[in-house]
Amino acid sequence: MTVTLHGTSAGDGPPLILLHGLFGAGDNLGGIRRRLQHRFQVHSLDLRNHGSSPHGDSMSYPEMAADVVAWMDSKDIGSACLLGHSMGGKVAMELALANPGRVQRLIVADIAPVRYEPHHEGILESMQALDVQSLSSRREADQLLAKDIEESRVRQFLLTNLTRAEQGFRWRLNLPALAQCYDQVMAAPQATGPYDGPALFIKGGNSDYIQKAHQPATAKLFPRATLRMVPETGHWLHGEKPELFAGLCERFLTAESEDSGQH
């Protein structure tokens, strides 16, 4: 069953849908939205169990892609360009593979169409262990999370999900569902495609999420895929070098034709 996604829109032009990663929300791609809204009508969606969108008990990629299609139908958007980062990239790939006619061009940021080994368990445990109702401030939350999560940037990203409540704070994302469905999030897209439209995969230069070993699977599913790299960036490449990232996206999205390439 689909859920009705929350989204915000800005700009005029052809539709471009932005899909965030795990623990994120549509606002996480706000910098990219601001840089592209002069050419596109940019729609930033909160995926299920994230941001202001409804919660659900399952997070399979077919279900999350169906949520996006249902949102497109509600806005009378027949087809659009998609830009997805990490988990959102897998949702975008699933949608393109299952409904190629709904996707004009596809951009996937720092993720491949493969299953990944679990690596967020510590973050999930730390977030669930935090007694958010007893917190007095975000600073206190940051200090408590720092015991298990060393990187300040990661903690600040996670804390964007912490909102004021009548008593203390609350997580706006559905932590129990994320923990329960984590194996689904690590899975590969399920649709077999292929998607024959133009596809651009963008890799963070210092990230190991996209590897040479992923090339065969990517080429099979996305025969027109090309690969670009943003140097000296990690997995959050769109936040580390937003101008360069947005420039790559804009050139790809506005190209009249994309040369076939192998990823």
C-alpha atoms as a PDB file:
ATOM      1  CA  MET A   1       0.000   0.000   0.000  1.00  0.00           C
ATOM      2  CA  THR A   2       1.365   3.397  -0.956  1.00  0.00           C
ATOM      3  CA  VAL A   3       1.691   6.333   1.423  1.00  0.00           C
ATOM      4  CA  THR A   4       1.040   9.959   0.491  1.00  0.00           C
ATOM      5  CA  LEU A   5       4.457  11.572   0.395  1.00  0.00           C
ATOM      6  CA  HIS A   6       5.161  15.086   1.623  1.00  0.00           C
ATOM      7  CA  GLY A   7       6.951  17.301  -0.871  1.00  0.00           C
ATOM      8  CA  THR A   8       7.921  20.883  -1.576  1.00  0.00           C
ATOM      9  CA  SER A   9       8.258  22.439  -5.002  1.00  0.00           C
ATOM     10  CA  ALA A  10      10.149  25.418  -6.396  1.00  0.00           C
ATOM     11  CA  GLY A  11      10.983  26.862  -9.790  1.00  0.00           C
ATOM     12  CA  ASP A  12       9.517  26.638 -13.269  1.00  0.00           C
ATOM     13  CA  GLY A  13      10.305  24.332 -16.140  1.00  0.00           C
ATOM     14  CA  PRO A  14      10.372  20.580 -16.738  1.00  0.00           C
ATOM     15  CA  PRO A  15       9.762  18.494 -13.594  1.00  0.00           C
ATOM     16  CA  LEU A  16      12.774  17.246 -11.625  1.00  0.00           C
ATOM     17  CA  ILE A  17      12.223  15.050  -8.559  1.00  0.00           C
ATOM     18  CA  LEU A  18      14.862  14.870  -5.802  1.00  0.00           C
ATOM     19  CA  LEU A  19      15.035  11.807  -3.533  1.00  0.00           C
ATOM     20  CA  HIS A  20      17.152  11.846  -0.353  1.00  0.00           C
ATOM     21  CA  GLY A  21      19.102   9.110   1.397  1.00  0.00           C
ATOM     22  CA  LEU A  22      18.673   7.126   4.611  1.00  0.00           C
ATOM     23  CA  PHE A  23      18.099   9.289   7.730  1.00  0.00           C
ATOM     24  CA  GLY A  24      17.532  12.285   5.442  1.00  0.00           C
ATOM     25  CA  ALA A  25      14.655  14.385   4.160  1.00  0.00           C
ATOM     26  CA  GLY A  26      13.881  16.483   1.133  1.00  0.00           C
ATOM     27  CA  ASP A  27      15.520  19.536   2.683  1.00  0.00           C
ATOM     28  CA  ASN A  28      18.896  17.752   2.676  1.00  0.00           C
ATOM     29  CA  LEU A  29      19.018  18.388  -1.074  1.00  0.00           C
ATOM     30  CA  GLY A  30      17.942  22.011  -0.684  1.00  0.00           C
ATOM     31  CA  GLY A  31      21.236  23.356  -1.995  1.00  0.00           C
ATOM     32  CA  ILE A  32      20.833  21.397  -5.215  1.00  0.00           C
ATOM     33  CA  ARG A  33      17.199  22.473  -5.501  1.00  0.00           C
ATOM     34  CA  ARG A  34      18.184  26.142  -5.249  1.00  0.00           C
ATOM     35  CA  ARG A  35      20.862  25.717  -7.917  1.00  0.00           C
ATOM     36  CA  LEU A  36      18.571  23.965 -10.398  1.00  0.00           C
ATOM     37  CA  GLN A  37      15.211  25.660  -9.888  1.00  0.00           C
ATOM     38  CA  HIS A  38      16.069  28.345 -12.451  1.00  0.00           C
ATOM     39  CA  ARG A  39      15.813  25.646 -15.153  1.00  0.00           C
ATOM     40  CA  PHE A  40      13.403  23.135 -13.631  1.00  0.00           C
ATOM     41  CA  GLN A  41      10.372  22.808 -11.441  1.00  0.00           C
ATOM     42  CA  VAL A  42      12.143  20.956  -8.629  1.00  0.00           C
ATOM     43  CA  HIS A  43      10.177  18.695  -6.315  1.00  0.00           C
ATOM     44  CA  SER A  44      11.866  17.589  -3.076  1.00  0.00           C
ATOM     45  CA  LEU A  45      10.107  14.579  -1.569  1.00  0.00           C
ATOM     46  CA  ASP A  46      10.323  13.050   1.900  1.00  0.00           C
ATOM     47  CA  LEU A  47      10.384   9.273   1.450  1.00  0.00           C
ATOM     48  CA  ARG A  48       8.235   7.095   3.713  1.00  0.00           C
ATOM     49  CA  ASN A  49       9.333   6.959   7.371  1.00  0.00           C
ATOM     50  CA  HIS A  50      11.368  10.141   6.822  1.00  0.00           C
ATOM     51  CA  GLY A  51      10.749  13.863   7.201  1.00  0.00           C
ATOM     52  CA  SER A  52       7.090  14.846   7.197  1.00  0.00           C
ATOM     53  CA  SER A  53       5.867  11.841   5.203  1.00  0.00           C
ATOM     54  CA  PRO A  54       3.678   9.134   6.759  1.00  0.00           C
ATOM     55  CA  HIS A  55       5.148   6.111   8.463  1.00  0.00           C
ATOM     56  CA  GLY A  56       4.859   2.548   7.213  1.00  0.00           C
ATOM     57  CA  ASP A  57       5.835  -0.941   8.354  1.00  0.00           C
ATOM     58  CA  SER A  58       7.783  -1.859   5.221  1.00  0.00           C
ATOM     59  CA  MET A  59      10.436  -0.125   3.108  1.00  0.00           C
ATOM     60  CA  SER A  60      10.990  -2.297   0.069  1.00  0.00           C
ATOM     61  CA  TYR A  61      12.172  -0.477  -3.029  1.00  0.00           C
ATOM     62  CA  PRO A  62       9.098  -1.460  -5.079  1.00  0.00           C
ATOM     63  CA  GLU A  63       6.923   0.079  -2.350  1.00  0.00           C
ATOM     64  CA  MET A  64       8.969   3.270  -2.104  1.00  0.00           C
ATOM     65  CA  ALA A  65       9.053   3.654  -5.889  1.00  0.00           C
ATOM     66  CA  ALA A  66       5.283   3.158  -5.966  1.00  0.00           C
ATOM     67  CA  ASP A  67       4.956   5.974  -3.409  1.00  0.00           C
ATOM     68  CA  VAL A  68       6.786   8.297  -5.798  1.00  0.00           C
ATOM     69  CA  VAL A  69       4.668   7.213  -8.779  1.00  0.00           C
ATOM     70  CA  ALA A  70       1.506   7.824  -6.740  1.00  0.00           C
ATOM     71  CA  TRP A  71       2.807  11.297  -5.846  1.00  0.00           C
ATOM     72  CA  MET A  72       3.529  11.988  -9.528  1.00  0.00           C
ATOM     73  CA  ASP A  73      -0.004  10.878 -10.421  1.00  0.00           C
ATOM     74  CA  SER A  74      -1.446  13.201  -7.760  1.00  0.00           C
ATOM     75  CA  LYS A  75       0.393  16.117  -9.400  1.00  0.00           C
ATOM     76  CA  ASP A  76      -0.466  15.080 -12.968  1.00  0.00           C
ATOM     77  CA  ILE A  77       3.219  14.533 -13.755  1.00  0.00           C
ATOM     78  CA  GLY A  78       3.393  11.940 -16.493  1.00  0.00           C
ATOM     79  CA  SER A  79       7.163  11.739 -16.579  1.00  0.00           C
ATOM     80  CA  ALA A  80      10.038  13.549 -14.915  1.00  0.00           C
ATOM     81  CA  CYS A  81      13.776  13.579 -14.449  1.00  0.00           C
ATOM     82  CA  LEU A  82      14.878  11.872 -11.237  1.00  0.00           C
ATOM     83  CA  LEU A  83      17.865  12.638  -9.019  1.00  0.00           C
ATOM     84  CA  GLY A  84      18.407  10.323  -6.075  1.00  0.00           C
ATOM     85  CA  HIS A  85      21.189  10.124  -3.497  1.00  0.00           C
ATOM     86  CA  SER A  86      22.113   6.858  -1.757  1.00  0.00           C
ATOM     87  CA  MET A  87      18.854   5.155  -0.681  1.00  0.00           C
ATOM     88  CA  GLY A  88      16.991   7.715  -2.785  1.00  0.00           C
ATOM     89  CA  GLY A  89      19.165   6.682  -5.717  1.00  0.00           C
ATOM     90  CA  LYS A  90      17.971   3.113  -5.310  1.00  0.00           C
ATOM     91  CA  VAL A  91      14.361   4.304  -5.195  1.00  0.00           C
ATOM     92  CA  ALA A  92      14.990   6.259  -8.406  1.00  0.00           C
ATOM     93  CA  MET A  93      16.607   3.212 -10.042  1.00  0.00           C
ATOM     94  CA  GLU A  94      13.692   0.986  -9.009  1.00  0.00           C
ATOM     95  CA  LEU A  95      11.199   3.444 -10.471  1.00  0.00           C
ATOM     96  CA  ALA A  96      13.129   3.773 -13.726  1.00  0.00           C
ATOM     97  CA  LEU A  97      13.527   0.008 -14.110  1.00  0.00           C
ATOM     98  CA  ALA A  98       9.886  -0.754 -13.303  1.00  0.00           C
ATOM     99  CA  ASN A  99       8.303   2.251 -15.074  1.00  0.00           C
ATOM    100  CA  PRO A 100      10.789   3.488 -17.683  1.00  0.00           C
ATOM    101  CA  GLY A 101       8.179   5.625 -19.402  1.00  0.00           C
ATOM    102  CA  ARG A 102       7.831   7.761 -16.286  1.00  0.00           C
ATOM    103  CA  VAL A 103      11.537   8.728 -16.201  1.00  0.00           C
ATOM    104  CA  GLN A 104      13.014  11.127 -18.764  1.00  0.00           C
ATOM    105  CA  ARG A 105      16.548  11.144 -17.358  1.00  0.00           C
ATOM    106  CA  LEU A 106      18.057   9.503 -14.307  1.00  0.00           C
ATOM    107  CA  ILE A 107      20.807  10.752 -11.974  1.00  0.00           C
ATOM    108  CA  VAL A 108      22.102   8.457  -9.231  1.00  0.00           C
ATOM    109  CA  ALA A 109      24.445   9.955  -6.629  1.00  0.00           C
ATOM    110  CA  ASP A 110      27.013   7.636  -5.038  1.00  0.00           C
ATOM    111  CA  ILE A 111      25.168   4.325  -5.003  1.00  0.00           C
ATOM    112  CA  ALA A 112      25.045   1.265  -7.277  1.00  0.00           C
ATOM    113  CA  PRO A 113      22.203  -1.174  -8.083  1.00  0.00           C
ATOM    114  CA  VAL A 114      23.603  -3.829  -5.752  1.00  0.00           C
ATOM    115  CA  ARG A 115      23.108  -5.136  -2.246  1.00  0.00           C
ATOM    116  CA  TYR A 116      25.374  -3.562   0.379  1.00  0.00           C
ATOM    117  CA  GLU A 117      26.658  -5.056   3.593  1.00  0.00           C
ATOM    118  CA  PRO A 118      24.967  -3.602   6.701  1.00  0.00           C
ATOM    119  CA  HIS A 119      26.959  -0.730   8.204  1.00  0.00           C
ATOM    120  CA  HIS A 120      24.495   1.557  10.010  1.00  0.00           C
ATOM    121  CA  GLU A 121      23.656  -0.657  12.981  1.00  0.00           C
ATOM    122  CA  GLY A 122      25.669   1.462  15.429  1.00  0.00           C
ATOM    123  CA  ILE A 123      23.909   4.637  14.336  1.00  0.00           C
ATOM    124  CA  LEU A 124      20.479   3.030  14.665  1.00  0.00           C
ATOM    125  CA  GLU A 125      21.303   1.680  18.120  1.00  0.00           C
ATOM    126  CA  SER A 126      22.619   5.049  19.324  1.00  0.00           C
ATOM    127  CA  MET A 127      19.606   6.938  18.055  1.00  0.00           C
ATOM    128  CA  GLN A 128      17.168   4.445  19.562  1.00  0.00           C
ATOM    129  CA  ALA A 129      18.994   4.482  22.895  1.00  0.00           C
ATOM    130  CA  LEU A 130      18.684   8.270  23.199  1.00  0.00           C
ATOM    131  CA  ASP A 131      15.958   9.259  25.669  1.00  0.00           C
ATOM    132  CA  VAL A 132      14.733  12.151  23.559  1.00  0.00           C
ATOM    133  CA  GLN A 133      11.851  13.109  25.873  1.00  0.00           C
ATOM    134  CA  SER A 134      14.282  13.932  28.677  1.00  0.00           C
ATOM    135  CA  LEU A 135      16.592  16.077  26.533  1.00  0.00           C
ATOM    136  CA  SER A 136      16.954  19.747  27.412  1.00  0.00           C
ATOM    137  CA  SER A 137      18.759  20.832  24.238  1.00  0.00           C
ATOM    138  CA  ARG A 138      20.182  19.728  20.912  1.00  0.00           C
ATOM    139  CA  ARG A 139      23.630  20.250  22.348  1.00  0.00           C
ATOM    140  CA  GLU A 140      22.893  17.634  24.986  1.00  0.00           C
ATOM    141  CA  ALA A 141      21.715  15.237  22.272  1.00  0.00           C
ATOM    142  CA  ASP A 142      24.905  15.842  20.319  1.00  0.00           C
ATOM    143  CA  GLN A 143      27.058  15.170  23.384  1.00  0.00           C
ATOM    144  CA  LEU A 144      25.258  11.897  24.092  1.00  0.00           C
ATOM    145  CA  LEU A 145      25.480  10.698  20.506  1.00  0.00           C
ATOM    146  CA  ALA A 146      29.185  11.606  20.423  1.00  0.00           C
ATOM    147  CA  LYS A 147      29.901   8.703  22.783  1.00  0.00           C
ATOM    148  CA  ASP A 148      29.221   6.291  19.899  1.00  0.00           C
ATOM    149  CA  ILE A 149      29.316   8.467  16.758  1.00  0.00           C
ATOM    150  CA  GLU A 150      32.642  10.267  16.443  1.00  0.00           C
ATOM    151  CA  GLU A 151      32.069  12.315  13.284  1.00  0.00           C
ATOM    152  CA  SER A 152      30.473  15.663  14.087  1.00  0.00           C
ATOM    153  CA  ARG A 153      29.126  16.028  10.544  1.00  0.00           C
ATOM    154  CA  VAL A 154      27.274  12.717  10.823  1.00  0.00           C
ATOM    155  CA  ARG A 155      25.782  13.695  14.187  1.00  0.00           C
ATOM    156  CA  GLN A 156      24.615  17.077  12.870  1.00  0.00           C
ATOM    157  CA  PHE A 157      23.006  15.337   9.903  1.00  0.00           C
ATOM    158  CA  LEU A 158      21.184  12.893  12.173  1.00  0.00           C
ATOM    159  CA  LEU A 159      20.065  15.674  14.507  1.00  0.00           C
ATOM    160  CA  THR A 160      18.175  17.395  11.685  1.00  0.00           C
ATOM    161  CA  ASN A 161      15.548  14.749  12.509  1.00  0.00           C
ATOM    162  CA  LEU A 162      15.179  15.923  16.118  1.00  0.00           C
ATOM    163  CA  THR A 163      12.194  18.211  16.674  1.00  0.00           C
ATOM    164  CA  ARG A 164      10.723  19.882  19.743  1.00  0.00           C
ATOM    165  CA  ALA A 165       7.879  18.094  21.510  1.00  0.00           C
ATOM    166  CA  GLU A 166       5.580  19.018  24.387  1.00  0.00           C
ATOM    167  CA  GLN A 167       8.082  17.260  26.602  1.00  0.00           C
ATOM    168  CA  GLY A 168      11.664  17.372  25.406  1.00  0.00           C
ATOM    169  CA  PHE A 169      12.169  16.291  21.810  1.00  0.00           C
ATOM    170  CA  ARG A 170      11.051  13.595  19.385  1.00  0.00           C
ATOM    171  CA  TRP A 171      12.461  11.905  16.296  1.00  0.00           C
ATOM    172  CA  ARG A 172      10.413  12.799  13.229  1.00  0.00           C
ATOM    173  CA  LEU A 173      11.644   9.735  11.353  1.00  0.00           C
ATOM    174  CA  ASN A 174      10.292   6.281  12.161  1.00  0.00           C
ATOM    175  CA  LEU A 175      13.275   4.731  13.931  1.00  0.00           C
ATOM    176  CA  PRO A 176      11.586   1.409  14.803  1.00  0.00           C
ATOM    177  CA  ALA A 177      10.641   0.879  11.152  1.00  0.00           C
ATOM    178  CA  LEU A 178      14.128   1.834   9.927  1.00  0.00           C
ATOM    179  CA  ALA A 179      15.650  -0.738  12.276  1.00  0.00           C
ATOM    180  CA  GLN A 180      13.116  -3.407  11.370  1.00  0.00           C
ATOM    181  CA  CYS A 181      13.370  -2.765   7.620  1.00  0.00           C
ATOM    182  CA  TYR A 182      17.100  -2.099   7.473  1.00  0.00           C
ATOM    183  CA  ASP A 183      17.754  -5.256   5.451  1.00  0.00           C
ATOM    184  CA  GLN A 184      15.324  -3.975   2.805  1.00  0.00           C
ATOM    185  CA  VAL A 185      17.232  -0.689   2.613  1.00  0.00           C
ATOM    186  CA  MET A 186      20.519  -2.536   2.029  1.00  0.00           C
ATOM    187  CA  ALA A 187      18.985  -4.615  -0.773  1.00  0.00           C
ATOM    188  CA  ALA A 188      19.395  -4.046  -4.484  1.00  0.00           C
ATOM    189  CA  PRO A 189      16.550  -2.681  -6.603  1.00  0.00           C
ATOM    190  CA  GLN A 190      14.221  -5.538  -7.502  1.00  0.00           C
ATOM    191  CA  ALA A 191      12.936  -4.568 -10.951  1.00  0.00           C
ATOM    192  CA  THR A 192      14.944  -6.105 -13.785  1.00  0.00           C
ATOM    193  CA  GLY A 193      14.431  -3.395 -16.416  1.00  0.00           C
ATOM    194  CA  PRO A 194      16.433  -2.465 -18.314  1.00  0.00           C
ATOM    195  CA  TYR A 195      16.083   1.303 -18.303  1.00  0.00           C
ATOM    196  CA  ASP A 196      17.229   2.436 -21.744  1.00  0.00           C
ATOM    197  CA  GLY A 197      17.031   6.168 -21.091  1.00  0.00           C
ATOM    198  CA  PRO A 198      19.973   8.457 -20.318  1.00  0.00           C
ATOM    199  CA  ALA A 199      21.437   7.729 -16.890  1.00  0.00           C
ATOM    200  CA  LEU A 200      24.241   9.472 -15.021  1.00  0.00           C
ATOM    201  CA  PHE A 201      25.971   7.945 -12.000  1.00  0.00           C
ATOM    202  CA  ILE A 202      28.033  10.393  -9.934  1.00  0.00           C
ATOM    203  CA  LYS A 203      30.666   9.033  -7.567  1.00  0.00           C
ATOM    204  CA  GLY A 204      32.318  10.749  -4.631  1.00  0.00           C
ATOM    205  CA  GLY A 205      36.047  10.595  -5.279  1.00  0.00           C
ATOM    206  CA  ASN A 206      36.845   9.354  -1.766  1.00  0.00           C
ATOM    207  CA  SER A 207      33.775   7.143  -1.431  1.00  0.00           C
ATOM    208  CA  ASP A 208      33.739   3.376  -1.927  1.00  0.00           C
ATOM    209  CA  TYR A 209      29.992   3.077  -2.537  1.00  0.00           C
ATOM    210  CA  ILE A 210      30.505   2.776  -6.310  1.00  0.00           C
ATOM    211  CA  GLN A 211      33.180   0.230  -7.241  1.00  0.00           C
ATOM    212  CA  LYS A 212      34.529  -1.314 -10.432  1.00  0.00           C
ATOM    213  CA  ALA A 213      32.952  -4.599  -9.381  1.00  0.00           C
ATOM    214  CA  HIS A 214      29.532  -2.944  -9.773  1.00  0.00           C
ATOM    215  CA  GLN A 215      30.041  -2.133 -13.463  1.00  0.00           C
ATOM    216  CA  PRO A 216      28.511  -5.332 -14.918  1.00  0.00           C
ATOM    217  CA  ALA A 217      25.290  -5.026 -12.912  1.00  0.00           C
ATOM    218  CA  THR A 218      24.985  -1.332 -13.745  1.00  0.00           C
ATOM    219  CA  ALA A 219      25.655  -1.790 -17.466  1.00  0.00           C
ATOM    220  CA  LYS A 220      23.087  -4.589 -17.681  1.00  0.00           C
ATOM    221  CA  LEU A 221      20.322  -2.573 -16.038  1.00  0.00           C
ATOM    222  CA  PHE A 222      21.293   0.859 -17.401  1.00  0.00           C
ATOM    223  CA  PRO A 223      22.917   0.326 -20.815  1.00  0.00           C
ATOM    224  CA  ARG A 224      23.204   4.073 -21.505  1.00  0.00           C
ATOM    225  CA  ALA A 225      24.745   4.919 -18.141  1.00  0.00           C
ATOM    226  CA  THR A 226      27.751   7.181 -17.854  1.00  0.00           C
ATOM    227  CA  LEU A 227      29.918   7.730 -14.782  1.00  0.00           C
ATOM    228  CA  ARG A 228      31.327  10.986 -13.476  1.00  0.00           C
ATOM    229  CA  MET A 229      33.342  11.661 -10.327  1.00  0.00           C
ATOM    230  CA  VAL A 230      33.397  14.606  -7.948  1.00  0.00           C
ATOM    231  CA  PRO A 231      36.996  14.651  -6.650  1.00  0.00           C
ATOM    232  CA  GLU A 232      37.894  14.963  -2.981  1.00  0.00           C
ATOM    233  CA  THR A 233      34.383  14.216  -1.746  1.00  0.00           C
ATOM    234  CA  GLY A 234      32.868  11.397   0.249  1.00  0.00           C
ATOM    235  CA  HIS A 235      29.373   9.930   0.228  1.00  0.00           C
ATOM    236  CA  TRP A 236      27.717  13.351   0.790  1.00  0.00           C
ATOM    237  CA  LEU A 237      29.275  14.715  -2.405  1.00  0.00           C
ATOM    238  CA  HIS A 238      26.324  17.028  -3.134  1.00  0.00           C
ATOM    239  CA  GLY A 239      26.882  18.799   0.192  1.00  0.00           C
ATOM    240  CA  GLU A 240      30.679  18.906   0.031  1.00  0.00           C
ATOM    241  CA  LYS A 241      30.947  20.382  -3.482  1.00  0.00           C
ATOM    242  CA  PRO A 242      27.430  21.566  -4.347  1.00  0.00           C
ATOM    243  CA  GLU A 243      28.430  23.863  -7.209  1.00  0.00           C
ATOM    244  CA  LEU A 244      30.381  21.172  -9.033  1.00  0.00           C
ATOM    245  CA  PHE A 245      27.725  18.550  -8.354  1.00  0.00           C
ATOM    246  CA  ALA A 246      24.899  20.810  -9.530  1.00  0.00           C
ATOM    247  CA  GLY A 247      26.867  21.742 -12.636  1.00  0.00           C
ATOM    248  CA  LEU A 248      27.288  18.086 -13.605  1.00  0.00           C
ATOM    249  CA  CYS A 249      23.575  17.514 -13.073  1.00  0.00           C
ATOM    250  CA  GLU A 250      22.480  20.569 -15.041  1.00  0.00           C
ATOM    251  CA  ARG A 251      24.669  19.746 -18.033  1.00  0.00           C
ATOM    252  CA  PHE A 252      23.344  16.196 -18.118  1.00  0.00           C
ATOM    253  CA  LEU A 253      19.716  17.178 -17.651  1.00  0.00           C
ATOM    254  CA  THR A 254      19.778  19.846 -20.359  1.00  0.00           C
ATOM    255  CA  ALA A 255      21.760  17.875 -22.950  1.00  0.00           C
ATOM    256  CA  GLU A 256      19.803  17.273 -26.118  1.00  0.00           C
ATOM    257  CA  SER A 257      21.285  13.810 -26.429  1.00  0.00           C
ATOM    258  CA  GLU A 258      23.546  11.757 -24.229  1.00  0.00           C
ATOM    259  CA  ASP A 259      26.240   9.604 -25.733  1.00  0.00           C
ATOM    260  CA  SER A 260      25.961   5.972 -24.763  1.00  0.00           C
ATOM    261  CA  GLY A 261      28.579   4.931 -22.272  1.00  0.00           C
ATOM    262  CA  GLN A 262      29.436   2.125 -19.940  1.00  0.00           C
ATOM    263  CA  HIS A 263      29.404   2.545 -16.192  1.00  0.00           C
END
